[in-house]
């Protein structure tokens, strides 16, 4: 029995075993964190290799009932490791008391939401290895000044170092997606605090990029208090020109004004 790929769940099953091995190999072998959560194991192409590693203690979360049945039927020792449910709604603290790492072929239609949830738990997630749509991978890894640099770029780069691992063509999947894919690794950086209000920082970044064609003076109007001094040259720039540090300084200015 094989699992039928469901369009509603954004399922495209990786069938290239060498790529599956490369993804699992990208998960650091020298990390002190043994707990690993695989998101969306599907038919277990990554799971098979994860279970072979003696340096980790993996768990998997899968929303698709058909996939859950397949995994329980085809893999020994899955009892207690497989969580049936929606990662976006998961209370991770019920399954991991301390830090845990994340790996997976993320469903492309919810990859951004997955990253936002990981950001909420960033102090417990030191590493993420994932395959996502190449366009999204490029955006996350991009530096300031590019047209694809955006909200996820800034928010993730504030807390993680981003490494581009490899590109993957549509032929590696069944059914083949209409887009190219890529594997990236996120490693938690040494930052413990932004030095500004974190919620405000997110709001500033999102507001600035929501009207990215406008200068910050115009894009940030909803956040500017009456009479606020916007003569600084930074307000003549568009959001894509600002680094993480620039956004932190901008948030401090708006906070203190």
C-alpha atoms as a PDB file:
ATOM      1  CA  UNK A   1       0.000   0.000   0.000  1.00  0.00           C
ATOM      2  CA  UNK A   2       1.193   3.495  -0.806  1.00  0.00           C
ATOM      3  CA  UNK A   3      -0.177   6.812   0.352  1.00  0.00           C
ATOM      4  CA  UNK A   4      -2.110   8.885  -2.175  1.00  0.00           C
ATOM      5  CA  UNK A   5      -0.746  12.442  -2.376  1.00  0.00           C
ATOM      6  CA  UNK A   6      -3.430  14.924  -1.368  1.00  0.00           C
ATOM      7  CA  UNK A   7      -3.461  18.311  -3.021  1.00  0.00           C
ATOM      8  CA  UNK A   8      -5.252  19.910  -0.066  1.00  0.00           C
ATOM      9  CA  UNK A   9      -2.325  18.971   2.174  1.00  0.00           C
ATOM     10  CA  UNK A  10       0.267  20.123  -0.357  1.00  0.00           C
ATOM     11  CA  UNK A  11       1.746  16.636  -0.495  1.00  0.00           C
ATOM     12  CA  UNK A  12       4.589  15.855  -2.908  1.00  0.00           C
ATOM     13  CA  UNK A  13       6.467  12.762  -1.772  1.00  0.00           C
ATOM     14  CA  UNK A  14      10.240  12.793  -2.144  1.00  0.00           C
ATOM     15  CA  UNK A  15      11.353   9.584  -3.888  1.00  0.00           C
ATOM     16  CA  UNK A  16      15.043  10.319  -4.503  1.00  0.00           C
ATOM     17  CA  UNK A  17      16.784   8.365  -1.736  1.00  0.00           C
ATOM     18  CA  UNK A  18      20.140  10.124  -2.180  1.00  0.00           C
ATOM     19  CA  UNK A  19      18.498  13.501  -1.567  1.00  0.00           C
ATOM     20  CA  UNK A  20      16.661  12.085   1.454  1.00  0.00           C
ATOM     21  CA  UNK A  21      19.989  10.923   2.845  1.00  0.00           C
ATOM     22  CA  UNK A  22      21.567  14.339   2.179  1.00  0.00           C
ATOM     23  CA  UNK A  23      18.764  16.076   4.075  1.00  0.00           C
ATOM     24  CA  UNK A  24      19.181  13.845   7.125  1.00  0.00           C
ATOM     25  CA  UNK A  25      22.973  14.164   6.915  1.00  0.00           C
ATOM     26  CA  UNK A  26      22.586  17.959   7.029  1.00  0.00           C
ATOM     27  CA  UNK A  27      21.277  17.654  10.583  1.00  0.00           C
ATOM     28  CA  UNK A  28      24.357  18.279  12.730  1.00  0.00           C
ATOM     29  CA  UNK A  29      25.911  15.176  14.271  1.00  0.00           C
ATOM     30  CA  UNK A  30      27.758  17.044  17.021  1.00  0.00           C
ATOM     31  CA  UNK A  31      24.752  18.740  18.642  1.00  0.00           C
ATOM     32  CA  UNK A  32      24.091  18.060  22.334  1.00  0.00           C
ATOM     33  CA  UNK A  33      20.347  18.201  21.559  1.00  0.00           C
ATOM     34  CA  UNK A  34      19.121  14.666  20.918  1.00  0.00           C
ATOM     35  CA  UNK A  35      15.403  15.429  20.541  1.00  0.00           C
ATOM     36  CA  UNK A  36      14.348  15.937  16.907  1.00  0.00           C
ATOM     37  CA  UNK A  37      10.878  16.599  15.488  1.00  0.00           C
ATOM     38  CA  UNK A  38      10.161  15.627  11.902  1.00  0.00           C
ATOM     39  CA  UNK A  39       7.273  17.585  10.405  1.00  0.00           C
ATOM     40  CA  UNK A  40       5.171  15.741   7.811  1.00  0.00           C
ATOM     41  CA  UNK A  41       6.972  12.397   7.390  1.00  0.00           C
ATOM     42  CA  UNK A  42       4.515  11.172   4.719  1.00  0.00           C
ATOM     43  CA  UNK A  43       5.719   7.720   3.683  1.00  0.00           C
ATOM     44  CA  UNK A  44       8.873   7.966   5.763  1.00  0.00           C
ATOM     45  CA  UNK A  45      11.589   8.724   3.217  1.00  0.00           C
ATOM     46  CA  UNK A  46      13.428  10.841   5.820  1.00  0.00           C
ATOM     47  CA  UNK A  47      12.114   8.855   8.766  1.00  0.00           C
ATOM     48  CA  UNK A  48      13.915   5.724   7.617  1.00  0.00           C
ATOM     49  CA  UNK A  49      17.283   7.489   7.846  1.00  0.00           C
ATOM     50  CA  UNK A  50      16.450   9.369  11.034  1.00  0.00           C
ATOM     51  CA  UNK A  51      15.671   6.105  12.831  1.00  0.00           C
ATOM     52  CA  UNK A  52      19.123   4.769  11.887  1.00  0.00           C
ATOM     53  CA  UNK A  53      20.956   7.604  13.643  1.00  0.00           C
ATOM     54  CA  UNK A  54      22.092   6.756  17.154  1.00  0.00           C
ATOM     55  CA  UNK A  55      22.880  10.363  18.091  1.00  0.00           C
ATOM     56  CA  UNK A  56      19.247  11.550  18.009  1.00  0.00           C
ATOM     57  CA  UNK A  57      15.860  10.644  19.483  1.00  0.00           C
ATOM     58  CA  UNK A  58      13.337  11.503  16.742  1.00  0.00           C
ATOM     59  CA  UNK A  59       9.593  12.015  16.920  1.00  0.00           C
ATOM     60  CA  UNK A  60       7.334  12.674  13.938  1.00  0.00           C
ATOM     61  CA  UNK A  61       4.105  14.628  13.534  1.00  0.00           C
ATOM     62  CA  UNK A  62       1.749  13.806  10.672  1.00  0.00           C
ATOM     63  CA  UNK A  63      -1.712  15.219   9.958  1.00  0.00           C
ATOM     64  CA  UNK A  64      -2.664  12.715   7.242  1.00  0.00           C
ATOM     65  CA  UNK A  65      -4.428   9.647   8.671  1.00  0.00           C
ATOM     66  CA  UNK A  66      -3.455   7.534   5.669  1.00  0.00           C
ATOM     67  CA  UNK A  67       0.229   8.408   6.164  1.00  0.00           C
ATOM     68  CA  UNK A  68      -0.023   7.643   9.889  1.00  0.00           C
ATOM     69  CA  UNK A  69      -1.378   4.177   9.126  1.00  0.00           C
ATOM     70  CA  UNK A  70       1.385   3.601   6.553  1.00  0.00           C
ATOM     71  CA  UNK A  71       4.141   4.612   8.977  1.00  0.00           C
ATOM     72  CA  UNK A  72       2.808   2.469  11.805  1.00  0.00           C
ATOM     73  CA  UNK A  73       2.507  -0.483   9.433  1.00  0.00           C
ATOM     74  CA  UNK A  74       5.875  -0.188   7.685  1.00  0.00           C
ATOM     75  CA  UNK A  75       8.250   1.042  10.408  1.00  0.00           C
ATOM     76  CA  UNK A  76       9.113  -0.813  13.585  1.00  0.00           C
ATOM     77  CA  UNK A  77       9.297   1.167  16.808  1.00  0.00           C
ATOM     78  CA  UNK A  78       6.999   3.996  15.706  1.00  0.00           C
ATOM     79  CA  UNK A  79       4.693   3.607  18.700  1.00  0.00           C
ATOM     80  CA  UNK A  80       5.352   6.535  21.029  1.00  0.00           C
ATOM     81  CA  UNK A  81       7.329   8.381  18.342  1.00  0.00           C
ATOM     82  CA  UNK A  82       4.522   9.243  15.930  1.00  0.00           C
ATOM     83  CA  UNK A  83       2.169  12.095  16.786  1.00  0.00           C
ATOM     84  CA  UNK A  84      -1.028  12.308  14.740  1.00  0.00           C
ATOM     85  CA  UNK A  85      -1.975  15.953  14.456  1.00  0.00           C
ATOM     86  CA  UNK A  86      -1.365  19.399  12.993  1.00  0.00           C
ATOM     87  CA  UNK A  87       2.054  20.860  13.782  1.00  0.00           C
ATOM     88  CA  UNK A  88       0.637  24.391  13.567  1.00  0.00           C
ATOM     89  CA  UNK A  89      -1.701  23.557  16.463  1.00  0.00           C
ATOM     90  CA  UNK A  90       0.737  21.369  18.393  1.00  0.00           C
ATOM     91  CA  UNK A  91       1.692  22.160  21.988  1.00  0.00           C
ATOM     92  CA  UNK A  92       5.296  21.050  21.535  1.00  0.00           C
ATOM     93  CA  UNK A  93       6.017  21.315  25.277  1.00  0.00           C
ATOM     94  CA  UNK A  94       3.869  18.219  25.853  1.00  0.00           C
ATOM     95  CA  UNK A  95       6.349  16.125  23.883  1.00  0.00           C
ATOM     96  CA  UNK A  96       9.696  17.880  24.461  1.00  0.00           C
ATOM     97  CA  UNK A  97      10.557  19.223  27.900  1.00  0.00           C
ATOM     98  CA  UNK A  98      13.779  20.854  26.706  1.00  0.00           C
ATOM     99  CA  UNK A  99      15.285  21.978  23.400  1.00  0.00           C
ATOM    100  CA  UNK A 100      14.547  20.085  20.193  1.00  0.00           C
ATOM    101  CA  UNK A 101      15.630  20.303  16.575  1.00  0.00           C
ATOM    102  CA  UNK A 102      13.328  20.344  13.548  1.00  0.00           C
ATOM    103  CA  UNK A 103      13.604  18.545  10.220  1.00  0.00           C
ATOM    104  CA  UNK A 104      11.197  17.887   7.383  1.00  0.00           C
ATOM    105  CA  UNK A 105      10.006  18.266   3.845  1.00  0.00           C
ATOM    106  CA  UNK A 106       7.642  21.088   4.717  1.00  0.00           C
ATOM    107  CA  UNK A 107       4.308  21.300   2.853  1.00  0.00           C
ATOM    108  CA  UNK A 108       4.920  24.262   0.577  1.00  0.00           C
ATOM    109  CA  UNK A 109       1.490  25.783   1.129  1.00  0.00           C
ATOM    110  CA  UNK A 110       2.128  26.292   4.873  1.00  0.00           C
ATOM    111  CA  UNK A 111       5.923  26.636   5.047  1.00  0.00           C
ATOM    112  CA  UNK A 112       5.762  30.309   6.095  1.00  0.00           C
ATOM    113  CA  UNK A 113       3.350  29.458   8.926  1.00  0.00           C
ATOM    114  CA  UNK A 114       5.717  26.700  10.071  1.00  0.00           C
ATOM    115  CA  UNK A 115       8.593  29.185  10.233  1.00  0.00           C
ATOM    116  CA  UNK A 116       6.522  31.654  12.249  1.00  0.00           C
ATOM    117  CA  UNK A 117       5.708  28.888  14.753  1.00  0.00           C
ATOM    118  CA  UNK A 118       9.403  27.937  14.948  1.00  0.00           C
ATOM    119  CA  UNK A 119      10.208  31.605  15.629  1.00  0.00           C
ATOM    120  CA  UNK A 120       7.758  31.564  18.531  1.00  0.00           C
ATOM    121  CA  UNK A 121       9.805  28.689  19.990  1.00  0.00           C
ATOM    122  CA  UNK A 122      13.221  29.933  18.837  1.00  0.00           C
ATOM    123  CA  UNK A 123      14.872  29.656  22.257  1.00  0.00           C
ATOM    124  CA  UNK A 124      14.165  25.920  22.239  1.00  0.00           C
ATOM    125  CA  UNK A 125      14.963  25.240  18.550  1.00  0.00           C
ATOM    126  CA  UNK A 126      18.727  25.442  17.879  1.00  0.00           C
ATOM    127  CA  UNK A 127      18.579  23.930  14.379  1.00  0.00           C
ATOM    128  CA  UNK A 128      16.171  23.459  11.478  1.00  0.00           C
ATOM    129  CA  UNK A 129      16.847  21.438   8.320  1.00  0.00           C
ATOM    130  CA  UNK A 130      14.062  21.580   5.777  1.00  0.00           C
ATOM    131  CA  UNK A 131      13.118  21.287   2.138  1.00  0.00           C
ATOM    132  CA  UNK A 132      10.886  24.068   0.905  1.00  0.00           C
ATOM    133  CA  UNK A 133       9.987  25.809  -2.333  1.00  0.00           C
ATOM    134  CA  UNK A 134      13.207  27.237  -3.841  1.00  0.00           C
ATOM    135  CA  UNK A 135      11.667  30.671  -4.172  1.00  0.00           C
ATOM    136  CA  UNK A 136      10.985  30.745  -0.426  1.00  0.00           C
ATOM    137  CA  UNK A 137      14.472  29.385   0.365  1.00  0.00           C
ATOM    138  CA  UNK A 138      16.037  32.122  -1.765  1.00  0.00           C
ATOM    139  CA  UNK A 139      13.960  34.726   0.033  1.00  0.00           C
ATOM    140  CA  UNK A 140      14.927  33.493   3.503  1.00  0.00           C
ATOM    141  CA  UNK A 141      18.638  33.356   2.692  1.00  0.00           C
ATOM    142  CA  UNK A 142      18.731  36.658   0.753  1.00  0.00           C
ATOM    143  CA  UNK A 143      20.610  39.743   1.914  1.00  0.00           C
ATOM    144  CA  UNK A 144      19.277  43.341   2.020  1.00  0.00           C
ATOM    145  CA  UNK A 145      18.883  45.143  -1.276  1.00  0.00           C
ATOM    146  CA  UNK A 146      17.206  42.330  -3.193  1.00  0.00           C
ATOM    147  CA  UNK A 147      13.642  42.340  -4.482  1.00  0.00           C
ATOM    148  CA  UNK A 148      13.031  38.952  -2.830  1.00  0.00           C
ATOM    149  CA  UNK A 149      14.355  40.041   0.595  1.00  0.00           C
ATOM    150  CA  UNK A 150      11.308  40.312   2.828  1.00  0.00           C
ATOM    151  CA  UNK A 151       9.545  39.685   6.130  1.00  0.00           C
ATOM    152  CA  UNK A 152      10.759  36.100   6.640  1.00  0.00           C
ATOM    153  CA  UNK A 153      14.296  37.107   5.641  1.00  0.00           C
ATOM    154  CA  UNK A 154      14.514  39.671   8.431  1.00  0.00           C
ATOM    155  CA  UNK A 155      12.655  37.771  11.151  1.00  0.00           C
ATOM    156  CA  UNK A 156      14.570  34.519  10.617  1.00  0.00           C
ATOM    157  CA  UNK A 157      17.969  36.146  10.082  1.00  0.00           C
ATOM    158  CA  UNK A 158      17.514  38.034  13.350  1.00  0.00           C
ATOM    159  CA  UNK A 159      17.762  34.743  15.226  1.00  0.00           C
ATOM    160  CA  UNK A 160      19.290  32.186  12.826  1.00  0.00           C
ATOM    161  CA  UNK A 161      22.251  31.795  10.499  1.00  0.00           C
ATOM    162  CA  UNK A 162      20.906  30.534   7.163  1.00  0.00           C
ATOM    163  CA  UNK A 163      22.795  28.018   5.037  1.00  0.00           C
ATOM    164  CA  UNK A 164      21.691  26.970   1.558  1.00  0.00           C
ATOM    165  CA  UNK A 165      22.329  23.194   1.334  1.00  0.00           C
ATOM    166  CA  UNK A 166      21.154  22.078  -2.125  1.00  0.00           C
ATOM    167  CA  UNK A 167      18.631  22.594  -4.917  1.00  0.00           C
ATOM    168  CA  UNK A 168      16.172  19.849  -5.877  1.00  0.00           C
ATOM    169  CA  UNK A 169      14.339  19.477  -9.196  1.00  0.00           C
ATOM    170  CA  UNK A 170      10.677  18.483  -9.589  1.00  0.00           C
ATOM    171  CA  UNK A 171      11.642  14.991 -10.837  1.00  0.00           C
ATOM    172  CA  UNK A 172      12.677  13.968  -7.321  1.00  0.00           C
ATOM    173  CA  UNK A 173       9.020  13.907  -6.210  1.00  0.00           C
ATOM    174  CA  UNK A 174       5.770  12.074  -6.843  1.00  0.00           C
ATOM    175  CA  UNK A 175       3.739  13.861  -8.022  1.00  0.00           C
ATOM    176  CA  UNK A 176       6.295  16.377  -9.378  1.00  0.00           C
ATOM    177  CA  UNK A 177       5.606  19.903  -8.062  1.00  0.00           C
ATOM    178  CA  UNK A 178       5.362  22.780 -10.524  1.00  0.00           C
ATOM    179  CA  UNK A 179       8.197  24.570  -8.736  1.00  0.00           C
ATOM    180  CA  UNK A 180      11.827  23.903  -7.876  1.00  0.00           C
ATOM    181  CA  UNK A 181      12.750  23.010  -4.319  1.00  0.00           C
ATOM    182  CA  UNK A 182      15.700  23.645  -2.027  1.00  0.00           C
ATOM    183  CA  UNK A 183      17.102  22.419   1.263  1.00  0.00           C
ATOM    184  CA  UNK A 184      18.257  24.975   3.833  1.00  0.00           C
ATOM    185  CA  UNK A 185      19.672  24.742   7.336  1.00  0.00           C
ATOM    186  CA  UNK A 186      18.937  27.280  10.055  1.00  0.00           C
ATOM    187  CA  UNK A 187      21.316  27.399  13.021  1.00  0.00           C
ATOM    188  CA  UNK A 188      20.435  29.501  16.046  1.00  0.00           C
ATOM    189  CA  UNK A 189      22.824  32.427  16.408  1.00  0.00           C
ATOM    190  CA  UNK A 190      24.158  33.843  19.657  1.00  0.00           C
ATOM    191  CA  UNK A 191      21.576  36.623  19.936  1.00  0.00           C
ATOM    192  CA  UNK A 192      19.649  36.481  23.214  1.00  0.00           C
ATOM    193  CA  UNK A 193      17.795  39.774  22.893  1.00  0.00           C
ATOM    194  CA  UNK A 194      16.991  42.311  20.194  1.00  0.00           C
ATOM    195  CA  UNK A 195      17.451  45.225  22.576  1.00  0.00           C
ATOM    196  CA  UNK A 196      13.991  46.422  21.616  1.00  0.00           C
ATOM    197  CA  UNK A 197      10.420  45.238  22.064  1.00  0.00           C
ATOM    198  CA  UNK A 198      10.189  42.006  20.056  1.00  0.00           C
ATOM    199  CA  UNK A 199       6.487  42.356  19.277  1.00  0.00           C
ATOM    200  CA  UNK A 200       7.067  45.909  18.059  1.00  0.00           C
ATOM    201  CA  UNK A 201      10.011  44.701  15.938  1.00  0.00           C
ATOM    202  CA  UNK A 202       7.760  42.181  14.161  1.00  0.00           C
ATOM    203  CA  UNK A 203       5.118  44.846  13.615  1.00  0.00           C
ATOM    204  CA  UNK A 204       7.645  47.298  12.154  1.00  0.00           C
ATOM    205  CA  UNK A 205       9.074  44.667   9.788  1.00  0.00           C
ATOM    206  CA  UNK A 206       5.667  43.467   8.608  1.00  0.00           C
ATOM    207  CA  UNK A 207       4.283  47.005   8.187  1.00  0.00           C
ATOM    208  CA  UNK A 208       7.367  48.145   6.260  1.00  0.00           C
ATOM    209  CA  UNK A 209       7.229  45.239   3.807  1.00  0.00           C
ATOM    210  CA  UNK A 210       3.452  45.255   3.389  1.00  0.00           C
ATOM    211  CA  UNK A 211       3.948  48.365   1.244  1.00  0.00           C
ATOM    212  CA  UNK A 212       7.476  47.634   0.098  1.00  0.00           C
ATOM    213  CA  UNK A 213       7.339  49.978  -2.903  1.00  0.00           C
ATOM    214  CA  UNK A 214       6.855  52.966  -0.641  1.00  0.00           C
ATOM    215  CA  UNK A 215       9.541  54.706   1.354  1.00  0.00           C
ATOM    216  CA  UNK A 216       9.509  53.934   5.062  1.00  0.00           C
ATOM    217  CA  UNK A 217       8.163  57.427   5.739  1.00  0.00           C
ATOM    218  CA  UNK A 218       4.968  56.438   3.913  1.00  0.00           C
ATOM    219  CA  UNK A 219       4.898  52.684   4.592  1.00  0.00           C
ATOM    220  CA  UNK A 220       5.188  53.174   8.360  1.00  0.00           C
ATOM    221  CA  UNK A 221       2.530  55.903   8.634  1.00  0.00           C
ATOM    222  CA  UNK A 222       0.237  53.670  10.721  1.00  0.00           C
ATOM    223  CA  UNK A 223       2.998  53.454  13.368  1.00  0.00           C
ATOM    224  CA  UNK A 224       4.167  57.076  13.332  1.00  0.00           C
ATOM    225  CA  UNK A 225       2.970  59.348  16.093  1.00  0.00           C
ATOM    226  CA  UNK A 226       1.809  62.850  15.225  1.00  0.00           C
ATOM    227  CA  UNK A 227       4.724  65.254  14.993  1.00  0.00           C
ATOM    228  CA  UNK A 228       7.338  62.491  14.972  1.00  0.00           C
ATOM    229  CA  UNK A 229      10.625  63.553  13.390  1.00  0.00           C
ATOM    230  CA  UNK A 230      11.134  61.544  10.205  1.00  0.00           C
ATOM    231  CA  UNK A 231      13.944  63.669   8.770  1.00  0.00           C
ATOM    232  CA  UNK A 232      16.478  60.840   9.197  1.00  0.00           C
ATOM    233  CA  UNK A 233      17.710  59.509   5.819  1.00  0.00           C
ATOM    234  CA  UNK A 234      16.516  56.010   6.808  1.00  0.00           C
ATOM    235  CA  UNK A 235      12.921  57.123   6.195  1.00  0.00           C
ATOM    236  CA  UNK A 236      13.800  57.839   2.552  1.00  0.00           C
ATOM    237  CA  UNK A 237      14.637  54.153   2.046  1.00  0.00           C
ATOM    238  CA  UNK A 238      12.415  51.213   1.169  1.00  0.00           C
ATOM    239  CA  UNK A 239      12.145  48.227   3.505  1.00  0.00           C
ATOM    240  CA  UNK A 240      14.301  45.971   1.304  1.00  0.00           C
ATOM    241  CA  UNK A 241      17.347  48.202   1.917  1.00  0.00           C
ATOM    242  CA  UNK A 242      17.389  47.681   5.687  1.00  0.00           C
ATOM    243  CA  UNK A 243      19.411  44.996   7.475  1.00  0.00           C
ATOM    244  CA  UNK A 244      18.268  43.243  10.641  1.00  0.00           C
ATOM    245  CA  UNK A 245      20.324  45.723  12.682  1.00  0.00           C
ATOM    246  CA  UNK A 246      18.734  48.649  10.822  1.00  0.00           C
ATOM    247  CA  UNK A 247      15.262  47.354  11.670  1.00  0.00           C
ATOM    248  CA  UNK A 248      16.276  46.962  15.318  1.00  0.00           C
ATOM    249  CA  UNK A 249      17.478  50.578  15.444  1.00  0.00           C
ATOM    250  CA  UNK A 250      14.325  51.755  13.677  1.00  0.00           C
ATOM    251  CA  UNK A 251      12.170  49.886  16.198  1.00  0.00           C
ATOM    252  CA  UNK A 252      14.086  51.484  19.086  1.00  0.00           C
ATOM    253  CA  UNK A 253      13.535  54.928  17.554  1.00  0.00           C
ATOM    254  CA  UNK A 254       9.775  54.345  17.143  1.00  0.00           C
ATOM    255  CA  UNK A 255       9.551  52.876  20.632  1.00  0.00           C
ATOM    256  CA  UNK A 256      11.299  55.758  22.314  1.00  0.00           C
ATOM    257  CA  UNK A 257       9.810  58.598  20.286  1.00  0.00           C
END
